[in-house]
Amino acid sequence: TDGEGKGPKPAPGCAELPADDPCHTLINLYYTHLNPP
């Protein structure tokens, strides 16, 4: 698409770090329904 390669990129050197390293994270989002006490 026209958007290929135009987004944010991981920090330099992130490719050498393990897959679970935070530098690979674009977003880590948690969500919930607050009404239940």
Full PDB file with SEQRES, HELIX, SHEET, SSBOND, CRYST1, ORIGX, SCALE, CONECT and MASTER records, all heavy atoms in Angstrom:
SEQRES   1 A   37  THR ASP GLY GLU GLY LYS GLY PRO LYS PRO ALA PRO GLY          
SEQRES   2 A   37  CYS ALA GLU LEU PRO ALA ASP ASP PRO CYS HIS THR LEU          
SEQRES   3 A   37  ILE ASN LEU TYR TYR THR HIS LEU ASN PRO PRO                  
HELIX    1 AA1 CYS A   14  GLU A   16  5                                   3    
HELIX    2 AA2 PRO A   22  HIS A   24  5                                   3    
SSBOND   1 CYS A   14    CYS A   23                          1555   1555  1.94  
CRYST1    1.000    1.000    1.000  90.00  90.00  90.00 P 1           1          
ORIGX1      1.000000  0.000000  0.000000        0.00000                         
ORIGX2      0.000000  1.000000  0.000000        0.00000                         
ORIGX3      0.000000  0.000000  1.000000        0.00000                         
SCALE1      1.000000  0.000000  0.000000        0.00000                         
SCALE2      0.000000  1.000000  0.000000        0.00000                         
SCALE3      0.000000  0.000000  1.000000        0.00000                         
ATOM      1  N   THR A   1       0.846  -1.203   0.000  1.00  0.00           N  
ATOM      2  CA  THR A   1       0.000   0.000   0.000  1.00  0.00           C  
ATOM      3  C   THR A   1       0.876   1.245   0.000  1.00  0.00           C  
ATOM      4  O   THR A   1       2.103   1.171   0.149  1.00  0.00           O  
ATOM      5  CB  THR A   1      -0.928   0.024   1.235  1.00  0.00           C  
ATOM      6  OG1 THR A   1      -0.140   0.284   2.410  1.00  0.00           O  
ATOM      7  CG2 THR A   1      -1.658  -1.294   1.388  1.00  0.00           C  
ATOM      8  N   ASP A   2       0.232   2.407  -0.133  1.00  0.00           N  
ATOM      9  CA  ASP A   2       0.981   3.665  -0.097  1.00  0.00           C  
ATOM     10  C   ASP A   2       1.585   3.930   1.278  1.00  0.00           C  
ATOM     11  O   ASP A   2       2.486   4.756   1.418  1.00  0.00           O  
ATOM     12  CB  ASP A   2       0.061   4.834  -0.471  1.00  0.00           C  
ATOM     13  CG  ASP A   2      -0.365   4.784  -1.923  1.00  0.00           C  
ATOM     14  OD1 ASP A   2       0.332   4.110  -2.702  1.00  0.00           O  
ATOM     15  OD2 ASP A   2      -1.389   5.400  -2.269  1.00  0.00           O  
ATOM     16  N   GLY A   3       1.068   3.234   2.292  1.00  0.00           N  
ATOM     17  CA  GLY A   3       1.577   3.449   3.638  1.00  0.00           C  
ATOM     18  C   GLY A   3       2.753   2.577   4.004  1.00  0.00           C  
ATOM     19  O   GLY A   3       3.286   2.680   5.124  1.00  0.00           O  
ATOM     20  N   GLU A   4       3.188   1.728   3.084  1.00  0.00           N  
ATOM     21  CA  GLU A   4       4.305   0.828   3.386  1.00  0.00           C  
ATOM     22  C   GLU A   4       5.573   1.626   3.679  1.00  0.00           C  
ATOM     23  O   GLU A   4       5.963   2.508   2.927  1.00  0.00           O  
ATOM     24  CB  GLU A   4       4.538  -0.118   2.208  1.00  0.00           C  
ATOM     25  CG  GLU A   4       5.629  -1.146   2.463  1.00  0.00           C  
ATOM     26  CD  GLU A   4       5.769  -2.151   1.340  1.00  0.00           C  
ATOM     27  OE1 GLU A   4       5.072  -1.995   0.311  1.00  0.00           O  
ATOM     28  OE2 GLU A   4       6.553  -3.104   1.479  1.00  0.00           O  
ATOM     29  N   GLY A   5       6.201   1.331   4.808  1.00  0.00           N  
ATOM     30  CA  GLY A   5       7.453   1.966   5.188  1.00  0.00           C  
ATOM     31  C   GLY A   5       7.326   3.367   5.739  1.00  0.00           C  
ATOM     32  O   GLY A   5       8.339   4.024   5.984  1.00  0.00           O  
ATOM     33  N   LYS A   6       6.101   3.862   5.965  1.00  0.00           N  
ATOM     34  CA  LYS A   6       5.912   5.239   6.411  1.00  0.00           C  
ATOM     35  C   LYS A   6       5.499   5.349   7.865  1.00  0.00           C  
ATOM     36  O   LYS A   6       5.119   6.418   8.326  1.00  0.00           O  
ATOM     37  CB  LYS A   6       4.869   5.929   5.519  1.00  0.00           C  
ATOM     38  CG  LYS A   6       5.319   6.068   4.072  1.00  0.00           C  
ATOM     39  CD  LYS A   6       4.320   6.835   3.227  1.00  0.00           C  
ATOM     40  CE  LYS A   6       4.822   6.977   1.793  1.00  0.00           C  
ATOM     41  NZ  LYS A   6       3.859   7.709   0.943  1.00  0.00           N  
ATOM     42  N   GLY A   7       5.562   4.255   8.594  1.00  0.00           N  
ATOM     43  CA  GLY A   7       5.194   4.288   9.989  1.00  0.00           C  
ATOM     44  C   GLY A   7       6.409   4.379  10.895  1.00  0.00           C  
ATOM     45  O   GLY A   7       7.561   4.402  10.434  1.00  0.00           O  
ATOM     46  N   PRO A   8       6.175   4.433  12.213  1.00  0.00           N  
ATOM     47  CA  PRO A   8       7.304   4.461  13.162  1.00  0.00           C  
ATOM     48  C   PRO A   8       8.111   3.178  13.072  1.00  0.00           C  
ATOM     49  O   PRO A   8       7.592   2.113  12.718  1.00  0.00           O  
ATOM     50  CB  PRO A   8       6.604   4.610  14.518  1.00  0.00           C  
ATOM     51  CG  PRO A   8       5.217   4.104  14.304  1.00  0.00           C  
ATOM     52  CD  PRO A   8       4.869   4.431  12.899  1.00  0.00           C  
ATOM     53  N   LYS A   9       9.394   3.278  13.403  1.00  0.00           N  
ATOM     54  CA  LYS A   9      10.278   2.126  13.302  1.00  0.00           C  
ATOM     55  C   LYS A   9      10.929   1.857  14.647  1.00  0.00           C  
ATOM     56  O   LYS A   9      11.097   2.772  15.468  1.00  0.00           O  
ATOM     57  CB  LYS A   9      11.343   2.372  12.229  1.00  0.00           C  
ATOM     58  CG  LYS A   9      10.766   2.519  10.818  1.00  0.00           C  
ATOM     59  CD  LYS A   9      11.852   2.854   9.810  1.00  0.00           C  
ATOM     60  CE  LYS A   9      11.289   2.869   8.398  1.00  0.00           C  
ATOM     61  NZ  LYS A   9      10.154   3.787   8.250  1.00  0.00           N  
ATOM     62  N   PRO A  10      11.306   0.597  14.918  1.00  0.00           N  
ATOM     63  CA  PRO A  10      11.974   0.288  16.186  1.00  0.00           C  
ATOM     64  C   PRO A  10      13.338   0.969  16.271  1.00  0.00           C  
ATOM     65  O   PRO A  10      13.909   1.396  15.256  1.00  0.00           O  
ATOM     66  CB  PRO A  10      12.095  -1.234  16.149  1.00  0.00           C  
ATOM     67  CG  PRO A  10      12.018  -1.601  14.708  1.00  0.00           C  
ATOM     68  CD  PRO A  10      11.125  -0.593  14.062  1.00  0.00           C  
ATOM     69  N   ALA A  11      13.811   1.071  17.467  1.00  0.00           N  
ATOM     70  CA  ALA A  11      15.103   1.722  17.688  1.00  0.00           C  
ATOM     71  C   ALA A  11      16.223   0.939  17.016  1.00  0.00           C  
ATOM     72  O   ALA A  11      16.122  -0.284  16.831  1.00  0.00           O  
ATOM     73  CB  ALA A  11      15.366   1.832  19.190  1.00  0.00           C  
ATOM     74  N   PRO A  12      17.305   1.614  16.621  1.00  0.00           N  
ATOM     75  CA  PRO A  12      18.450   0.917  16.009  1.00  0.00           C  
ATOM     76  C   PRO A  12      18.976  -0.182  16.933  1.00  0.00           C  
ATOM     77  O   PRO A  12      19.053  -0.011  18.157  1.00  0.00           O  
ATOM     78  CB  PRO A  12      19.491   2.028  15.825  1.00  0.00           C  
ATOM     79  CG  PRO A  12      18.683   3.291  15.777  1.00  0.00           C  
ATOM     80  CD  PRO A  12      17.522   3.075  16.687  1.00  0.00           C  
ATOM     81  N   GLY A  13      19.285  -1.319  16.329  1.00  0.00           N  
ATOM     82  CA  GLY A  13      19.801  -2.438  17.099  1.00  0.00           C  
ATOM     83  C   GLY A  13      18.733  -3.324  17.700  1.00  0.00           C  
ATOM     84  O   GLY A  13      19.047  -4.344  18.316  1.00  0.00           O  
ATOM     85  N   CYS A  14      17.463  -2.977  17.518  1.00  0.00           N  
ATOM     86  CA  CYS A  14      16.387  -3.774  18.114  1.00  0.00           C  
ATOM     87  C   CYS A  14      16.298  -5.151  17.473  1.00  0.00           C  
ATOM     88  O   CYS A  14      15.878  -6.118  18.117  1.00  0.00           O  
ATOM     89  CB  CYS A  14      15.055  -3.029  17.970  1.00  0.00           C  
ATOM     90  SG  CYS A  14      13.679  -3.822  18.806  1.00  0.00           S  
ATOM     91  N   ALA A  15      16.659  -5.256  16.199  1.00  0.00           N  
ATOM     92  CA  ALA A  15      16.540  -6.536  15.495  1.00  0.00           C  
ATOM     93  C   ALA A  15      17.390  -7.618  16.147  1.00  0.00           C  
ATOM     94  O   ALA A  15      17.069  -8.803  16.059  1.00  0.00           O  
ATOM     95  CB  ALA A  15      16.939  -6.362  14.029  1.00  0.00           C  
ATOM     96  N   GLU A  16      18.500  -7.222  16.818  1.00  0.00           N  
ATOM     97  CA  GLU A  16      19.365  -8.220  17.441  1.00  0.00           C  
ATOM     98  C   GLU A  16      18.845  -8.667  18.804  1.00  0.00           C  
ATOM     99  O   GLU A  16      19.338  -9.650  19.374  1.00  0.00           O  
ATOM    100  CB  GLU A  16      20.783  -7.654  17.614  1.00  0.00           C  
ATOM    101  CG  GLU A  16      21.581  -7.539  16.306  1.00  0.00           C  
ATOM    102  CD  GLU A  16      21.116  -6.359  15.471  1.00  0.00           C  
ATOM    103  OE1 GLU A  16      20.645  -5.370  16.051  1.00  0.00           O  
ATOM    104  OE2 GLU A  16      21.211  -6.454  14.227  1.00  0.00           O  
ATOM    105  N   LEU A  17      17.873  -7.982  19.348  1.00  0.00           N  
ATOM    106  CA  LEU A  17      17.358  -8.311  20.678  1.00  0.00           C  
ATOM    107  C   LEU A  17      16.256  -9.357  20.591  1.00  0.00           C  
ATOM    108  O   LEU A  17      15.621  -9.531  19.547  1.00  0.00           O  
ATOM    109  CB  LEU A  17      16.832  -7.039  21.354  1.00  0.00           C  
ATOM    110  CG  LEU A  17      17.893  -5.954  21.612  1.00  0.00           C  
ATOM    111  CD1 LEU A  17      17.238  -4.689  22.179  1.00  0.00           C  
ATOM    112  CD2 LEU A  17      18.966  -6.480  22.564  1.00  0.00           C  
ATOM    113  N   PRO A  18      15.977 -10.070  21.675  1.00  0.00           N  
ATOM    114  CA  PRO A  18      14.940 -11.109  21.673  1.00  0.00           C  
ATOM    115  C   PRO A  18      13.573 -10.546  21.296  1.00  0.00           C  
ATOM    116  O   PRO A  18      13.296  -9.350  21.453  1.00  0.00           O  
ATOM    117  CB  PRO A  18      14.954 -11.620  23.116  1.00  0.00           C  
ATOM    118  CG  PRO A  18      16.299 -11.244  23.640  1.00  0.00           C  
ATOM    119  CD  PRO A  18      16.682  -9.973  22.952  1.00  0.00           C  
ATOM    120  N   ALA A  19      12.693 -11.417  20.798  1.00  0.00           N  
ATOM    121  CA  ALA A  19      11.381 -10.994  20.319  1.00  0.00           C  
ATOM    122  C   ALA A  19      10.522 -10.391  21.415  1.00  0.00           C  
ATOM    123  O   ALA A  19       9.624  -9.588  21.134  1.00  0.00           O  
ATOM    124  CB  ALA A  19      10.653 -12.179  19.667  1.00  0.00           C  
ATOM    125  N   ASP A  20      10.775 -10.781  22.695  1.00  0.00           N  
ATOM    126  CA  ASP A  20       9.948 -10.256  23.777  1.00  0.00           C  
ATOM    127  C   ASP A  20      10.485  -8.949  24.358  1.00  0.00           C  
ATOM    128  O   ASP A  20       9.950  -8.428  25.336  1.00  0.00           O  
ATOM    129  CB  ASP A  20       9.799 -11.291  24.893  1.00  0.00           C  
ATOM    130  CG  ASP A  20      11.154 -11.718  25.467  1.00  0.00           C  
ATOM    131  OD1 ASP A  20      12.192 -11.304  24.904  1.00  0.00           O  
ATOM    132  OD2 ASP A  20      11.166 -12.469  26.456  1.00  0.00           O  
ATOM    133  N   ASP A  21      11.546  -8.400  23.759  1.00  0.00           N  
ATOM    134  CA  ASP A  21      12.091  -7.142  24.255  1.00  0.00           C  
ATOM    135  C   ASP A  21      11.122  -5.999  23.929  1.00  0.00           C  
ATOM    136  O   ASP A  21      10.525  -5.964  22.839  1.00  0.00           O  
ATOM    137  CB  ASP A  21      13.445  -6.864  23.599  1.00  0.00           C  
ATOM    138  CG  ASP A  21      14.183  -5.712  24.274  1.00  0.00           C  
ATOM    139  OD1 ASP A  21      13.916  -4.542  23.883  1.00  0.00           O  
ATOM    140  OD2 ASP A  21      14.977  -5.978  25.175  1.00  0.00           O  
ATOM    141  N   PRO A  22      10.931  -5.061  24.857  1.00  0.00           N  
ATOM    142  CA  PRO A  22       9.982  -3.956  24.636  1.00  0.00           C  
ATOM    143  C   PRO A  22      10.267  -3.111  23.405  1.00  0.00           C  
ATOM    144  O   PRO A  22       9.371  -2.427  22.907  1.00  0.00           O  
ATOM    145  CB  PRO A  22      10.118  -3.121  25.908  1.00  0.00           C  
ATOM    146  CG  PRO A  22      10.606  -4.077  26.946  1.00  0.00           C  
ATOM    147  CD  PRO A  22      11.491  -5.041  26.210  1.00  0.00           C  
ATOM    148  N   CYS A  23      11.498  -3.160  22.892  1.00  0.00           N  
ATOM    149  CA  CYS A  23      11.806  -2.313  21.736  1.00  0.00           C  
ATOM    150  C   CYS A  23      11.040  -2.748  20.490  1.00  0.00           C  
ATOM    151  O   CYS A  23      10.927  -1.993  19.530  1.00  0.00           O  
ATOM    152  CB  CYS A  23      13.315  -2.294  21.461  1.00  0.00           C  
ATOM    153  SG  CYS A  23      13.956  -3.806  20.728  1.00  0.00           S  
ATOM    154  N   HIS A  24      10.514  -3.984  20.487  1.00  0.00           N  
ATOM    155  CA  HIS A  24       9.736  -4.482  19.344  1.00  0.00           C  
ATOM    156  C   HIS A  24       8.274  -4.035  19.410  1.00  0.00           C  
ATOM    157  O   HIS A  24       7.522  -4.243  18.456  1.00  0.00           O  
ATOM    158  CB  HIS A  24       9.786  -6.009  19.299  1.00  0.00           C  
ATOM    159  CG  HIS A  24      11.147  -6.566  19.008  1.00  0.00           C  
ATOM    160  ND1 HIS A  24      11.685  -6.603  17.742  1.00  0.00           N  
ATOM    161  CD2 HIS A  24      12.087  -7.109  19.839  1.00  0.00           C  
ATOM    162  CE1 HIS A  24      12.892  -7.147  17.783  1.00  0.00           C  
ATOM    163  NE2 HIS A  24      13.166  -7.467  19.051  1.00  0.00           N  
ATOM    164  N   THR A  25       7.881  -3.457  20.514  1.00  0.00           N  
ATOM    165  CA  THR A  25       6.459  -3.168  20.755  1.00  0.00           C  
ATOM    166  C   THR A  25       6.031  -1.868  20.094  1.00  0.00           C  
ATOM    167  O   THR A  25       6.575  -0.799  20.385  1.00  0.00           O  
ATOM    168  CB  THR A  25       6.181  -3.084  22.266  1.00  0.00           C  
ATOM    169  OG1 THR A  25       6.539  -4.320  22.882  1.00  0.00           O  
ATOM    170  CG2 THR A  25       4.709  -2.788  22.513  1.00  0.00           C  
ATOM    171  N   LEU A  26       5.061  -1.946  19.226  1.00  0.00           N  
ATOM    172  CA  LEU A  26       4.417  -0.740  18.711  1.00  0.00           C  
ATOM    173  C   LEU A  26       3.400  -0.250  19.739  1.00  0.00           C  
ATOM    174  O   LEU A  26       3.360   0.927  20.078  1.00  0.00           O  
ATOM    175  CB  LEU A  26       3.720  -1.009  17.378  1.00  0.00           C  
ATOM    176  CG  LEU A  26       3.003   0.200  16.773  1.00  0.00           C  
ATOM    177  CD1 LEU A  26       4.016   1.236  16.305  1.00  0.00           C  
ATOM    178  CD2 LEU A  26       2.093  -0.210  15.627  1.00  0.00           C  
ATOM    179  N   ILE A  27       2.563  -1.156  20.240  1.00  0.00           N  
ATOM    180  CA  ILE A  27       1.635  -0.808  21.318  1.00  0.00           C  
ATOM    181  C   ILE A  27       1.276  -2.068  22.089  1.00  0.00           C  
ATOM    182  O   ILE A  27       1.052  -3.142  21.498  1.00  0.00           O  
ATOM    183  CB  ILE A  27       0.362  -0.112  20.788  1.00  0.00           C  
ATOM    184  CG1 ILE A  27      -0.513   0.377  21.959  1.00  0.00           C  
ATOM    185  CG2 ILE A  27      -0.421  -1.012  19.850  1.00  0.00           C  
ATOM    186  CD1 ILE A  27      -1.652   1.277  21.533  1.00  0.00           C  
ATOM    187  N   ASN A  28       1.264  -1.945  23.389  1.00  0.00           N  
ATOM    188  CA  ASN A  28       0.839  -3.019  24.286  1.00  0.00           C  
ATOM    189  C   ASN A  28      -0.362  -2.469  25.061  1.00  0.00           C  
ATOM    190  O   ASN A  28      -0.213  -1.731  26.028  1.00  0.00           O  
ATOM    191  CB  ASN A  28       1.983  -3.403  25.229  1.00  0.00           C  
ATOM    192  CG  ASN A  28       1.633  -4.618  26.065  1.00  0.00           C  
ATOM    193  OD1 ASN A  28       0.770  -5.416  25.701  1.00  0.00           O  
ATOM    194  ND2 ASN A  28       2.298  -4.776  27.209  1.00  0.00           N  
ATOM    195  N   LEU A  29      -1.551  -2.810  24.598  1.00  0.00           N  
ATOM    196  CA  LEU A  29      -2.772  -2.153  25.059  1.00  0.00           C  
ATOM    197  C   LEU A  29      -3.625  -3.123  25.882  1.00  0.00           C  
ATOM    198  O   LEU A  29      -3.923  -4.239  25.436  1.00  0.00           O  
ATOM    199  CB  LEU A  29      -3.574  -1.656  23.841  1.00  0.00           C  
ATOM    200  CG  LEU A  29      -4.971  -1.105  24.085  1.00  0.00           C  
ATOM    201  CD1 LEU A  29      -4.906   0.149  24.949  1.00  0.00           C  
ATOM    202  CD2 LEU A  29      -5.662  -0.803  22.757  1.00  0.00           C  
ATOM    203  N   TYR A  30      -4.024  -2.697  27.083  1.00  0.00           N  
ATOM    204  CA  TYR A  30      -4.951  -3.454  27.924  1.00  0.00           C  
ATOM    205  C   TYR A  30      -6.281  -2.687  27.993  1.00  0.00           C  
ATOM    206  O   TYR A  30      -6.283  -1.454  28.044  1.00  0.00           O  
ATOM    207  CB  TYR A  30      -4.381  -3.640  29.334  1.00  0.00           C  
ATOM    208  CG  TYR A  30      -3.224  -4.598  29.399  1.00  0.00           C  
ATOM    209  CD1 TYR A  30      -1.908  -4.149  29.181  1.00  0.00           C  
ATOM    210  CD2 TYR A  30      -3.419  -5.945  29.672  1.00  0.00           C  
ATOM    211  CE1 TYR A  30      -0.840  -5.027  29.235  1.00  0.00           C  
ATOM    212  CE2 TYR A  30      -2.344  -6.832  29.729  1.00  0.00           C  
ATOM    213  CZ  TYR A  30      -1.066  -6.366  29.513  1.00  0.00           C  
ATOM    214  OH  TYR A  30      -0.001  -7.242  29.569  1.00  0.00           O  
ATOM    215  N   TYR A  31      -7.372  -3.426  27.997  1.00  0.00           N  
ATOM    216  CA  TYR A  31      -8.683  -2.785  28.021  1.00  0.00           C  
ATOM    217  C   TYR A  31      -9.642  -3.628  28.861  1.00  0.00           C  
ATOM    218  O   TYR A  31      -9.485  -4.851  28.995  1.00  0.00           O  
ATOM    219  CB  TYR A  31      -9.223  -2.617  26.596  1.00  0.00           C  
ATOM    220  CG  TYR A  31      -9.381  -3.911  25.823  1.00  0.00           C  
ATOM    221  CD1 TYR A  31     -10.638  -4.503  25.684  1.00  0.00           C  
ATOM    222  CD2 TYR A  31      -8.287  -4.552  25.235  1.00  0.00           C  
ATOM    223  CE1 TYR A  31     -10.795  -5.684  24.985  1.00  0.00           C  
ATOM    224  CE2 TYR A  31      -8.429  -5.731  24.540  1.00  0.00           C  
ATOM    225  CZ  TYR A  31      -9.687  -6.296  24.410  1.00  0.00           C  
ATOM    226  OH  TYR A  31      -9.842  -7.482  23.740  1.00  0.00           O  
ATOM    227  N   THR A  32     -10.648  -2.963  29.433  1.00  0.00           N  
ATOM    228  CA  THR A  32     -11.570  -3.665  30.328  1.00  0.00           C  
ATOM    229  C   THR A  32     -12.875  -2.885  30.469  1.00  0.00           C  
ATOM    230  O   THR A  32     -12.958  -1.703  30.108  1.00  0.00           O  
ATOM    231  CB  THR A  32     -10.941  -3.864  31.709  1.00  0.00           C  
ATOM    232  OG1 THR A  32     -11.808  -4.682  32.509  1.00  0.00           O  
ATOM    233  CG2 THR A  32     -10.730  -2.532  32.416  1.00  0.00           C  
ATOM    234  N   HIS A  33     -13.870  -3.558  30.994  1.00  0.00           N  
ATOM    235  CA  HIS A  33     -15.191  -2.976  31.277  1.00  0.00           C  
ATOM    236  C   HIS A  33     -15.220  -2.646  32.774  1.00  0.00           C  
ATOM    237  O   HIS A  33     -15.075  -3.528  33.620  1.00  0.00           O  
ATOM    238  CB  HIS A  33     -16.275  -4.006  30.922  1.00  0.00           C  
ATOM    239  CG  HIS A  33     -17.665  -3.481  31.002  1.00  0.00           C  
ATOM    240  ND1 HIS A  33     -18.754  -4.220  30.630  1.00  0.00           N  
ATOM    241  CD2 HIS A  33     -18.162  -2.297  31.417  1.00  0.00           C  
ATOM    242  CE1 HIS A  33     -19.861  -3.516  30.806  1.00  0.00           C  
ATOM    243  NE2 HIS A  33     -19.522  -2.348  31.289  1.00  0.00           N  
ATOM    244  N   LEU A  34     -15.438  -1.385  33.111  1.00  0.00           N  
ATOM    245  CA  LEU A  34     -15.268  -0.933  34.496  1.00  0.00           C  
ATOM    246  C   LEU A  34     -16.519  -1.060  35.360  1.00  0.00           C  
ATOM    247  O   LEU A  34     -16.428  -0.941  36.589  1.00  0.00           O  
ATOM    248  CB  LEU A  34     -14.811   0.532  34.511  1.00  0.00           C  
ATOM    249  CG  LEU A  34     -13.389   0.799  34.013  1.00  0.00           C  
ATOM    250  CD1 LEU A  34     -13.151   2.301  33.926  1.00  0.00           C  
ATOM    251  CD2 LEU A  34     -12.353   0.142  34.922  1.00  0.00           C  
ATOM    252  N   ASN A  35     -17.692  -1.260  34.793  1.00  0.00           N  
ATOM    253  CA  ASN A  35     -18.914  -1.262  35.600  1.00  0.00           C  
ATOM    254  C   ASN A  35     -18.969  -2.354  36.662  1.00  0.00           C  
ATOM    255  O   ASN A  35     -19.417  -2.091  37.790  1.00  0.00           O  
ATOM    256  CB  ASN A  35     -20.143  -1.359  34.694  1.00  0.00           C  
ATOM    257  CG  ASN A  35     -20.394  -0.074  33.918  1.00  0.00           C  
ATOM    258  OD1 ASN A  35     -19.503   0.425  33.249  1.00  0.00           O  
ATOM    259  ND2 ASN A  35     -21.608   0.462  34.004  1.00  0.00           N  
ATOM    260  N   PRO A  36     -18.561  -3.597  36.371  1.00  0.00           N  
ATOM    261  CA  PRO A  36     -18.594  -4.615  37.430  1.00  0.00           C  
ATOM    262  C   PRO A  36     -17.705  -4.201  38.600  1.00  0.00           C  
ATOM    263  O   PRO A  36     -16.534  -3.839  38.408  1.00  0.00           O  
ATOM    264  CB  PRO A  36     -18.059  -5.865  36.725  1.00  0.00           C  
ATOM    265  CG  PRO A  36     -18.340  -5.633  35.274  1.00  0.00           C  
ATOM    266  CD  PRO A  36     -18.145  -4.174  35.079  1.00  0.00           C  
ATOM    267  N   PRO A  37     -18.197  -4.247  39.832  1.00  0.00           N  
ATOM    268  CA  PRO A  37     -17.400  -3.791  40.990  1.00  0.00           C  
ATOM    269  C   PRO A  37     -16.062  -4.493  41.133  1.00  0.00           C  
ATOM    270  O   PRO A  37     -15.062  -3.865  41.499  1.00  0.00           O  
ATOM    271  CB  PRO A  37     -18.323  -4.083  42.176  1.00  0.00           C  
ATOM    272  CG  PRO A  37     -19.706  -4.022  41.596  1.00  0.00           C  
ATOM    273  CD  PRO A  37     -19.579  -4.585  40.217  1.00  0.00           C  
TER     274      PRO A  37                                                      
CONECT   90  153                                                                
CONECT  153   90                                                                
MASTER        0    0    0    2    0    0    0    6  273    1    2    3          
END                                                                             
